[in-house]
Amino acid sequence: MDQLVTLAASKEHVYGSVASIGYGLAAIGPGVGIGIIFGNGVQAMARQPEATGLIRQNMILGFALCEALALIGIVMPFVFGQN
């Protein structure tokens, strides 16, 4: 703990990629979105078993869109990163 306080009080720079921290925080959104999609999809299938095919199709589409956001988040630090 003392080292952390010393680092915060000193004028030294912390080295590392801020983009990786940003992506770590940005990955929370698609993770929550995927959880909501599958949670509500299972609940909908339990309530209307006759619509299981349509619900599953929409769940997979929603999962693909949320996962695409996460993959775009992986690529953006490389595209806009400093050389």
PDB file of N, CA and C in Angstrom:
ATOM      1  N   MET A   1       0.823  -1.187   0.000  1.00  0.00           N
ATOM      2  CA  MET A   1       0.000   0.000   0.000  1.00  0.00           C
ATOM      3  C   MET A   1       0.868   1.252   0.000  1.00  0.00           C
ATOM      4  N   ASP A   2       1.978   1.181   0.734  1.00  0.00           N
ATOM      5  CA  ASP A   2       2.868   2.342   0.798  1.00  0.00           C
ATOM      6  C   ASP A   2       3.460   2.659  -0.571  1.00  0.00           C
ATOM      7  N   GLN A   3       3.740   1.616  -1.364  1.00  0.00           N
ATOM      8  CA  GLN A   3       4.295   1.837  -2.699  1.00  0.00           C
ATOM      9  C   GLN A   3       3.282   2.543  -3.595  1.00  0.00           C
ATOM     10  N   LEU A   4       2.027   2.198  -3.450  1.00  0.00           N
ATOM     11  CA  LEU A   4       0.983   2.838  -4.248  1.00  0.00           C
ATOM     12  C   LEU A   4       0.856   4.313  -3.883  1.00  0.00           C
ATOM     13  N   VAL A   5       0.909   4.621  -2.613  1.00  0.00           N
ATOM     14  CA  VAL A   5       0.836   6.010  -2.181  1.00  0.00           C
ATOM     15  C   VAL A   5       2.057   6.779  -2.671  1.00  0.00           C
ATOM     16  N   THR A   6       3.235   6.141  -2.614  1.00  0.00           N
ATOM     17  CA  THR A   6       4.451   6.786  -3.089  1.00  0.00           C
ATOM     18  C   THR A   6       4.375   7.053  -4.587  1.00  0.00           C
ATOM     19  N   LEU A   7       3.863   6.091  -5.353  1.00  0.00           N
ATOM     20  CA  LEU A   7       3.728   6.259  -6.795  1.00  0.00           C
ATOM     21  C   LEU A   7       2.742   7.376  -7.119  1.00  0.00           C
ATOM     22  N   ALA A   8       1.642   7.437  -6.387  1.00  0.00           N
ATOM     23  CA  ALA A   8       0.641   8.478  -6.633  1.00  0.00           C
ATOM     24  C   ALA A   8       1.184   9.868  -6.280  1.00  0.00           C
ATOM     25  N   ALA A   9       2.023   9.938  -5.261  1.00  0.00           N
ATOM     26  CA  ALA A   9       2.545  11.233  -4.835  1.00  0.00           C
ATOM     27  C   ALA A   9       3.733  11.688  -5.674  1.00  0.00           C
ATOM     28  N   SER A  10       4.403  10.760  -6.324  1.00  0.00           N
ATOM     29  CA  SER A  10       5.592  11.134  -7.089  1.00  0.00           C
ATOM     30  C   SER A  10       5.201  11.673  -8.463  1.00  0.00           C
ATOM     31  N   LYS A  11       6.174  12.219  -9.145  1.00  0.00           N
ATOM     32  CA  LYS A  11       5.946  12.781 -10.476  1.00  0.00           C
ATOM     33  C   LYS A  11       6.249  11.767 -11.577  1.00  0.00           C
ATOM     34  N   GLU A  12       6.509  10.520 -11.217  1.00  0.00           N
ATOM     35  CA  GLU A  12       6.841   9.497 -12.208  1.00  0.00           C
ATOM     36  C   GLU A  12       5.592   9.118 -13.000  1.00  0.00           C
ATOM     37  N   HIS A  13       5.851   8.663 -14.226  1.00  0.00           N
ATOM     38  CA  HIS A  13       4.748   8.239 -15.087  1.00  0.00           C
ATOM     39  C   HIS A  13       4.502   6.755 -14.915  1.00  0.00           C
ATOM     40  N   VAL A  14       3.255   6.375 -15.031  1.00  0.00           N
ATOM     41  CA  VAL A  14       2.896   4.969 -15.019  1.00  0.00           C
ATOM     42  C   VAL A  14       2.885   4.506 -16.464  1.00  0.00           C
ATOM     43  N   TYR A  15       3.660   3.487 -16.778  1.00  0.00           N
ATOM     44  CA  TYR A  15       3.761   3.010 -18.145  1.00  0.00           C
ATOM     45  C   TYR A  15       2.770   1.883 -18.376  1.00  0.00           C
ATOM     46  N   GLY A  16       2.283   1.792 -19.585  1.00  0.00           N
ATOM     47  CA  GLY A  16       1.335   0.752 -19.957  1.00  0.00           C
ATOM     48  C   GLY A  16       0.331   1.323 -20.944  1.00  0.00           C
ATOM     49  N   SER A  17      -0.470   0.467 -21.448  1.00  0.00           N
ATOM     50  CA  SER A  17      -1.432   0.875 -22.456  1.00  0.00           C
ATOM     51  C   SER A  17      -2.755   1.230 -21.795  1.00  0.00           C
ATOM     52  N   VAL A  18      -3.143   2.463 -21.953  1.00  0.00           N
ATOM     53  CA  VAL A  18      -4.427   2.908 -21.425  1.00  0.00           C
ATOM     54  C   VAL A  18      -5.562   2.304 -22.248  1.00  0.00           C
ATOM     55  N   ALA A  19      -5.258   1.983 -23.502  1.00  0.00           N
ATOM     56  CA  ALA A  19      -6.280   1.378 -24.365  1.00  0.00           C
ATOM     57  C   ALA A  19      -6.729   0.027 -23.827  1.00  0.00           C
ATOM     58  N   SER A  20      -5.823  -0.731 -23.238  1.00  0.00           N
ATOM     59  CA  SER A  20      -6.219  -2.029 -22.697  1.00  0.00           C
ATOM     60  C   SER A  20      -7.133  -1.863 -21.486  1.00  0.00           C
ATOM     61  N   ILE A  21      -6.904  -0.838 -20.694  1.00  0.00           N
ATOM     62  CA  ILE A  21      -7.801  -0.565 -19.574  1.00  0.00           C
ATOM     63  C   ILE A  21      -9.163  -0.120 -20.101  1.00  0.00           C
ATOM     64  N   GLY A  22      -9.144   0.703 -21.146  1.00  0.00           N
ATOM     65  CA  GLY A  22     -10.399   1.146 -21.751  1.00  0.00           C
ATOM     66  C   GLY A  22     -11.193  -0.007 -22.322  1.00  0.00           C
ATOM     67  N   TYR A  23     -10.495  -0.944 -22.969  1.00  0.00           N
ATOM     68  CA  TYR A  23     -11.217  -2.090 -23.511  1.00  0.00           C
ATOM     69  C   TYR A  23     -11.761  -2.959 -22.390  1.00  0.00           C
ATOM     70  N   GLY A  24     -11.018  -3.096 -21.328  1.00  0.00           N
ATOM     71  CA  GLY A  24     -11.513  -3.880 -20.196  1.00  0.00           C
ATOM     72  C   GLY A  24     -12.804  -3.313 -19.640  1.00  0.00           C
ATOM     73  N   LEU A  25     -12.868  -2.002 -19.560  1.00  0.00           N
ATOM     74  CA  LEU A  25     -14.097  -1.363 -19.092  1.00  0.00           C
ATOM     75  C   LEU A  25     -15.204  -1.449 -20.137  1.00  0.00           C
ATOM     76  N   ALA A  26     -14.829  -1.355 -21.420  1.00  0.00           N
ATOM     77  CA  ALA A  26     -15.832  -1.414 -22.482  1.00  0.00           C
ATOM     78  C   ALA A  26     -16.396  -2.816 -22.657  1.00  0.00           C
ATOM     79  N   ALA A  27     -15.673  -3.837 -22.234  1.00  0.00           N
ATOM     80  CA  ALA A  27     -16.161  -5.213 -22.374  1.00  0.00           C
ATOM     81  C   ALA A  27     -17.289  -5.514 -21.400  1.00  0.00           C
ATOM     82  N   ILE A  28     -17.481  -4.670 -20.416  1.00  0.00           N
ATOM     83  CA  ILE A  28     -18.555  -4.885 -19.452  1.00  0.00           C
ATOM     84  C   ILE A  28     -19.919  -4.751 -20.138  1.00  0.00           C
ATOM     85  N   GLY A  29     -20.049  -3.786 -21.047  1.00  0.00           N
ATOM     86  CA  GLY A  29     -21.331  -3.546 -21.725  1.00  0.00           C
ATOM     87  C   GLY A  29     -21.836  -4.742 -22.516  1.00  0.00           C
ATOM     88  N   PRO A  30     -21.023  -5.289 -23.452  1.00  0.00           N
ATOM     89  CA  PRO A  30     -21.491  -6.468 -24.174  1.00  0.00           C
ATOM     90  C   PRO A  30     -21.718  -7.675 -23.269  1.00  0.00           C
ATOM     91  N   GLY A  31     -20.935  -7.791 -22.208  1.00  0.00           N
ATOM     92  CA  GLY A  31     -21.147  -8.903 -21.274  1.00  0.00           C
ATOM     93  C   GLY A  31     -22.496  -8.820 -20.591  1.00  0.00           C
ATOM     94  N   VAL A  32     -22.854  -7.635 -20.161  1.00  0.00           N
ATOM     95  CA  VAL A  32     -24.158  -7.437 -19.536  1.00  0.00           C
ATOM     96  C   VAL A  32     -25.267  -7.631 -20.572  1.00  0.00           C
ATOM     97  N   GLY A  33     -25.043  -7.120 -21.784  1.00  0.00           N
ATOM     98  CA  GLY A  33     -26.045  -7.271 -22.842  1.00  0.00           C
ATOM     99  C   GLY A  33     -26.322  -8.724 -23.186  1.00  0.00           C
ATOM    100  N   ILE A  34     -25.276  -9.522 -23.269  1.00  0.00           N
ATOM    101  CA  ILE A  34     -25.445 -10.945 -23.585  1.00  0.00           C
ATOM    102  C   ILE A  34     -26.187 -11.654 -22.455  1.00  0.00           C
ATOM    103  N   GLY A  35     -25.871 -11.300 -21.220  1.00  0.00           N
ATOM    104  CA  GLY A  35     -26.588 -11.889 -20.092  1.00  0.00           C
ATOM    105  C   GLY A  35     -28.068 -11.550 -20.111  1.00  0.00           C
ATOM    106  N   ILE A  36     -28.386 -10.314 -20.442  1.00  0.00           N
ATOM    107  CA  ILE A  36     -29.790  -9.905 -20.501  1.00  0.00           C
ATOM    108  C   ILE A  36     -30.506 -10.622 -21.643  1.00  0.00           C
ATOM    109  N   ILE A  37     -29.835 -10.738 -22.791  1.00  0.00           N
ATOM    110  CA  ILE A  37     -30.458 -11.399 -23.951  1.00  0.00           C
ATOM    111  C   ILE A  37     -30.816 -12.845 -23.627  1.00  0.00           C
ATOM    112  N   PHE A  38     -29.859 -13.601 -23.091  1.00  0.00           N
ATOM    113  CA  PHE A  38     -30.130 -15.013 -22.838  1.00  0.00           C
ATOM    114  C   PHE A  38     -31.049 -15.213 -21.647  1.00  0.00           C
ATOM    115  N   GLY A  39     -30.953 -14.345 -20.640  1.00  0.00           N
ATOM    116  CA  GLY A  39     -31.866 -14.457 -19.502  1.00  0.00           C
ATOM    117  C   GLY A  39     -33.312 -14.228 -19.903  1.00  0.00           C
ATOM    118  N   ASN A  40     -33.540 -13.177 -20.664  1.00  0.00           N
ATOM    119  CA  ASN A  40     -34.909 -12.900 -21.108  1.00  0.00           C
ATOM    120  C   ASN A  40     -35.376 -13.905 -22.151  1.00  0.00           C
ATOM    121  N   GLY A  41     -34.445 -14.416 -22.963  1.00  0.00           N
ATOM    122  CA  GLY A  41     -34.831 -15.429 -23.955  1.00  0.00           C
ATOM    123  C   GLY A  41     -35.298 -16.720 -23.312  1.00  0.00           C
ATOM    124  N   VAL A  42     -34.593 -17.168 -22.295  1.00  0.00           N
ATOM    125  CA  VAL A  42     -35.004 -18.388 -21.589  1.00  0.00           C
ATOM    126  C   VAL A  42     -36.334 -18.167 -20.881  1.00  0.00           C
ATOM    127  N   GLN A  43     -36.510 -17.011 -20.321  1.00  0.00           N
ATOM    128  CA  GLN A  43     -37.774 -16.689 -19.663  1.00  0.00           C
ATOM    129  C   GLN A  43     -38.920 -16.673 -20.677  1.00  0.00           C
ATOM    130  N   ALA A  44     -38.680 -16.114 -21.857  1.00  0.00           N
ATOM    131  CA  ALA A  44     -39.719 -16.077 -22.894  1.00  0.00           C
ATOM    132  C   ALA A  44     -40.048 -17.479 -23.397  1.00  0.00           C
ATOM    133  N   MET A  45     -39.022 -18.335 -23.535  1.00  0.00           N
ATOM    134  CA  MET A  45     -39.281 -19.712 -23.971  1.00  0.00           C
ATOM    135  C   MET A  45     -40.068 -20.488 -22.930  1.00  0.00           C
ATOM    136  N   ALA A  46     -39.832 -20.191 -21.660  1.00  0.00           N
ATOM    137  CA  ALA A  46     -40.594 -20.866 -20.604  1.00  0.00           C
ATOM    138  C   ALA A  46     -42.053 -20.427 -20.611  1.00  0.00           C
ATOM    139  N   ARG A  47     -42.283 -19.177 -20.968  1.00  0.00           N
ATOM    140  CA  ARG A  47     -43.663 -18.677 -20.982  1.00  0.00           C
ATOM    141  C   ARG A  47     -44.429 -19.089 -22.231  1.00  0.00           C
ATOM    142  N   GLN A  48     -43.747 -19.148 -23.376  1.00  0.00           N
ATOM    143  CA  GLN A  48     -44.404 -19.524 -24.631  1.00  0.00           C
ATOM    144  C   GLN A  48     -43.560 -20.583 -25.348  1.00  0.00           C
ATOM    145  N   PRO A  49     -43.714 -21.831 -24.982  1.00  0.00           N
ATOM    146  CA  PRO A  49     -42.902 -22.892 -25.599  1.00  0.00           C
ATOM    147  C   PRO A  49     -43.149 -23.047 -27.101  1.00  0.00           C
ATOM    148  N   GLU A  50     -44.315 -22.638 -27.587  1.00  0.00           N
ATOM    149  CA  GLU A  50     -44.599 -22.788 -29.019  1.00  0.00           C
ATOM    150  C   GLU A  50     -43.799 -21.802 -29.861  1.00  0.00           C
ATOM    151  N   ALA A  51     -43.274 -20.746 -29.278  1.00  0.00           N
ATOM    152  CA  ALA A  51     -42.502 -19.746 -30.017  1.00  0.00           C
ATOM    153  C   ALA A  51     -40.992 -19.926 -29.816  1.00  0.00           C
ATOM    154  N   THR A  52     -40.566 -21.119 -29.410  1.00  0.00           N
ATOM    155  CA  THR A  52     -39.162 -21.354 -29.092  1.00  0.00           C
ATOM    156  C   THR A  52     -38.247 -21.095 -30.282  1.00  0.00           C
ATOM    157  N   GLY A  53     -38.640 -21.516 -31.466  1.00  0.00           N
ATOM    158  CA  GLY A  53     -37.793 -21.336 -32.652  1.00  0.00           C
ATOM    159  C   GLY A  53     -37.530 -19.869 -32.967  1.00  0.00           C
ATOM    160  N   LEU A  54     -38.572 -19.071 -32.940  1.00  0.00           N
ATOM    161  CA  LEU A  54     -38.433 -17.643 -33.227  1.00  0.00           C
ATOM    162  C   LEU A  54     -37.631 -16.932 -32.136  1.00  0.00           C
ATOM    163  N   ILE A  55     -37.885 -17.298 -30.893  1.00  0.00           N
ATOM    164  CA  ILE A  55     -37.163 -16.674 -29.778  1.00  0.00           C
ATOM    165  C   ILE A  55     -35.677 -17.027 -29.857  1.00  0.00           C
ATOM    166  N   ARG A  56     -35.368 -18.302 -30.141  1.00  0.00           N
ATOM    167  CA  ARG A  56     -33.974 -18.714 -30.237  1.00  0.00           C
ATOM    168  C   ARG A  56     -33.274 -17.986 -31.384  1.00  0.00           C
ATOM    169  N   GLN A  57     -33.954 -17.821 -32.494  1.00  0.00           N
ATOM    170  CA  GLN A  57     -33.380 -17.109 -33.639  1.00  0.00           C
ATOM    171  C   GLN A  57     -33.056 -15.660 -33.268  1.00  0.00           C
ATOM    172  N   ASN A  58     -33.955 -15.000 -32.578  1.00  0.00           N
ATOM    173  CA  ASN A  58     -33.717 -13.621 -32.158  1.00  0.00           C
ATOM    174  C   ASN A  58     -32.627 -13.532 -31.097  1.00  0.00           C
ATOM    175  N   MET A  59     -32.537 -14.550 -30.234  1.00  0.00           N
ATOM    176  CA  MET A  59     -31.469 -14.565 -29.237  1.00  0.00           C
ATOM    177  C   MET A  59     -30.100 -14.656 -29.902  1.00  0.00           C
ATOM    178  N   ILE A  60     -29.979 -15.509 -30.889  1.00  0.00           N
ATOM    179  CA  ILE A  60     -28.697 -15.676 -31.574  1.00  0.00           C
ATOM    180  C   ILE A  60     -28.327 -14.403 -32.327  1.00  0.00           C
ATOM    181  N   LEU A  61     -29.300 -13.754 -32.946  1.00  0.00           N
ATOM    182  CA  LEU A  61     -29.036 -12.497 -33.635  1.00  0.00           C
ATOM    183  C   LEU A  61     -28.584 -11.413 -32.656  1.00  0.00           C
ATOM    184  N   GLY A  62     -29.253 -11.301 -31.534  1.00  0.00           N
ATOM    185  CA  GLY A  62     -28.866 -10.327 -30.512  1.00  0.00           C
ATOM    186  C   GLY A  62     -27.491 -10.622 -29.942  1.00  0.00           C
ATOM    187  N   PHE A  63     -27.179 -11.910 -29.746  1.00  0.00           N
ATOM    188  CA  PHE A  63     -25.855 -12.297 -29.257  1.00  0.00           C
ATOM    189  C   PHE A  63     -24.778 -11.900 -30.259  1.00  0.00           C
ATOM    190  N   ALA A  64     -25.038 -12.128 -31.535  1.00  0.00           N
ATOM    191  CA  ALA A  64     -24.055 -11.784 -32.569  1.00  0.00           C
ATOM    192  C   ALA A  64     -23.799 -10.289 -32.619  1.00  0.00           C
ATOM    193  N   LEU A  65     -24.839  -9.487 -32.475  1.00  0.00           N
ATOM    194  CA  LEU A  65     -24.658  -8.041 -32.492  1.00  0.00           C
ATOM    195  C   LEU A  65     -23.895  -7.546 -31.268  1.00  0.00           C
ATOM    196  N   CYS A  66     -24.191  -8.094 -30.098  1.00  0.00           N
ATOM    197  CA  CYS A  66     -23.456  -7.698 -28.883  1.00  0.00           C
ATOM    198  C   CYS A  66     -22.001  -8.128 -28.963  1.00  0.00           C
ATOM    199  N   GLU A  67     -21.759  -9.313 -29.481  1.00  0.00           N
ATOM    200  CA  GLU A  67     -20.379  -9.802 -29.600  1.00  0.00           C
ATOM    201  C   GLU A  67     -19.609  -8.995 -30.632  1.00  0.00           C
ATOM    202  N   ALA A  68     -20.287  -8.525 -31.673  1.00  0.00           N
ATOM    203  CA  ALA A  68     -19.619  -7.677 -32.666  1.00  0.00           C
ATOM    204  C   ALA A  68     -19.137  -6.380 -32.025  1.00  0.00           C
ATOM    205  N   LEU A  69     -19.909  -5.830 -31.100  1.00  0.00           N
ATOM    206  CA  LEU A  69     -19.467  -4.628 -30.394  1.00  0.00           C
ATOM    207  C   LEU A  69     -18.206  -4.901 -29.590  1.00  0.00           C
ATOM    208  N   ALA A  70     -18.136  -6.061 -28.962  1.00  0.00           N
ATOM    209  CA  ALA A  70     -16.942  -6.406 -28.193  1.00  0.00           C
ATOM    210  C   ALA A  70     -15.741  -6.583 -29.110  1.00  0.00           C
ATOM    211  N   LEU A  71     -15.928  -7.207 -30.260  1.00  0.00           N
ATOM    212  CA  LEU A  71     -14.811  -7.408 -31.189  1.00  0.00           C
ATOM    213  C   LEU A  71     -14.346  -6.083 -31.789  1.00  0.00           C
ATOM    214  N   ILE A  72     -15.277  -5.181 -32.040  1.00  0.00           N
ATOM    215  CA  ILE A  72     -14.885  -3.856 -32.518  1.00  0.00           C
ATOM    216  C   ILE A  72     -14.070  -3.143 -31.446  1.00  0.00           C
ATOM    217  N   GLY A  73     -14.442  -3.343 -30.187  1.00  0.00           N
ATOM    218  CA  GLY A  73     -13.693  -2.755 -29.091  1.00  0.00           C
ATOM    219  C   GLY A  73     -12.275  -3.287 -28.991  1.00  0.00           C
ATOM    220  N   ILE A  74     -12.043  -4.534 -29.400  1.00  0.00           N
ATOM    221  CA  ILE A  74     -10.688  -5.085 -29.402  1.00  0.00           C
ATOM    222  C   ILE A  74      -9.858  -4.420 -30.493  1.00  0.00           C
ATOM    223  N   VAL A  75     -10.451  -4.161 -31.639  1.00  0.00           N
ATOM    224  CA  VAL A  75      -9.719  -3.650 -32.797  1.00  0.00           C
ATOM    225  C   VAL A  75      -9.427  -2.156 -32.679  1.00  0.00           C
ATOM    226  N   MET A  76     -10.304  -1.392 -32.070  1.00  0.00           N
ATOM    227  CA  MET A  76     -10.156   0.064 -32.045  1.00  0.00           C
ATOM    228  C   MET A  76      -8.848   0.565 -31.427  1.00  0.00           C
ATOM    229  N   PRO A  77      -8.343  -0.024 -30.331  1.00  0.00           N
ATOM    230  CA  PRO A  77      -7.045   0.470 -29.833  1.00  0.00           C
ATOM    231  C   PRO A  77      -5.909   0.297 -30.839  1.00  0.00           C
ATOM    232  N   PHE A  78      -5.985  -0.726 -31.679  1.00  0.00           N
ATOM    233  CA  PHE A  78      -4.940  -0.923 -32.677  1.00  0.00           C
ATOM    234  C   PHE A  78      -5.097   0.057 -33.836  1.00  0.00           C
ATOM    235  N   VAL A  79      -6.332   0.375 -34.171  1.00  0.00           N
ATOM    236  CA  VAL A  79      -6.577   1.289 -35.287  1.00  0.00           C
ATOM    237  C   VAL A  79      -6.203   2.718 -34.903  1.00  0.00           C
ATOM    238  N   PHE A  80      -6.625   3.151 -33.733  1.00  0.00           N
ATOM    239  CA  PHE A  80      -6.403   4.527 -33.331  1.00  0.00           C
ATOM    240  C   PHE A  80      -5.231   4.682 -32.361  1.00  0.00           C
ATOM    241  N   GLY A  81      -4.459   3.620 -32.155  1.00  0.00           N
ATOM    242  CA  GLY A  81      -3.327   3.676 -31.227  1.00  0.00           C
ATOM    243  C   GLY A  81      -2.211   4.563 -31.735  1.00  0.00           C
ATOM    244  N   GLN A  82      -1.381   4.992 -30.826  1.00  0.00           N
ATOM    245  CA  GLN A  82      -0.257   5.830 -31.186  1.00  0.00           C
ATOM    246  C   GLN A  82       0.881   4.971 -31.715  1.00  0.00           C
ATOM    247  N   ASN A  83       1.594   5.500 -32.678  1.00  0.00           N
ATOM    248  CA  ASN A  83       2.711   4.751 -33.263  1.00  0.00           C
ATOM    249  C   ASN A  83       3.970   4.957 -32.484  1.00  0.00           C
TER     250      ASN A  83
END
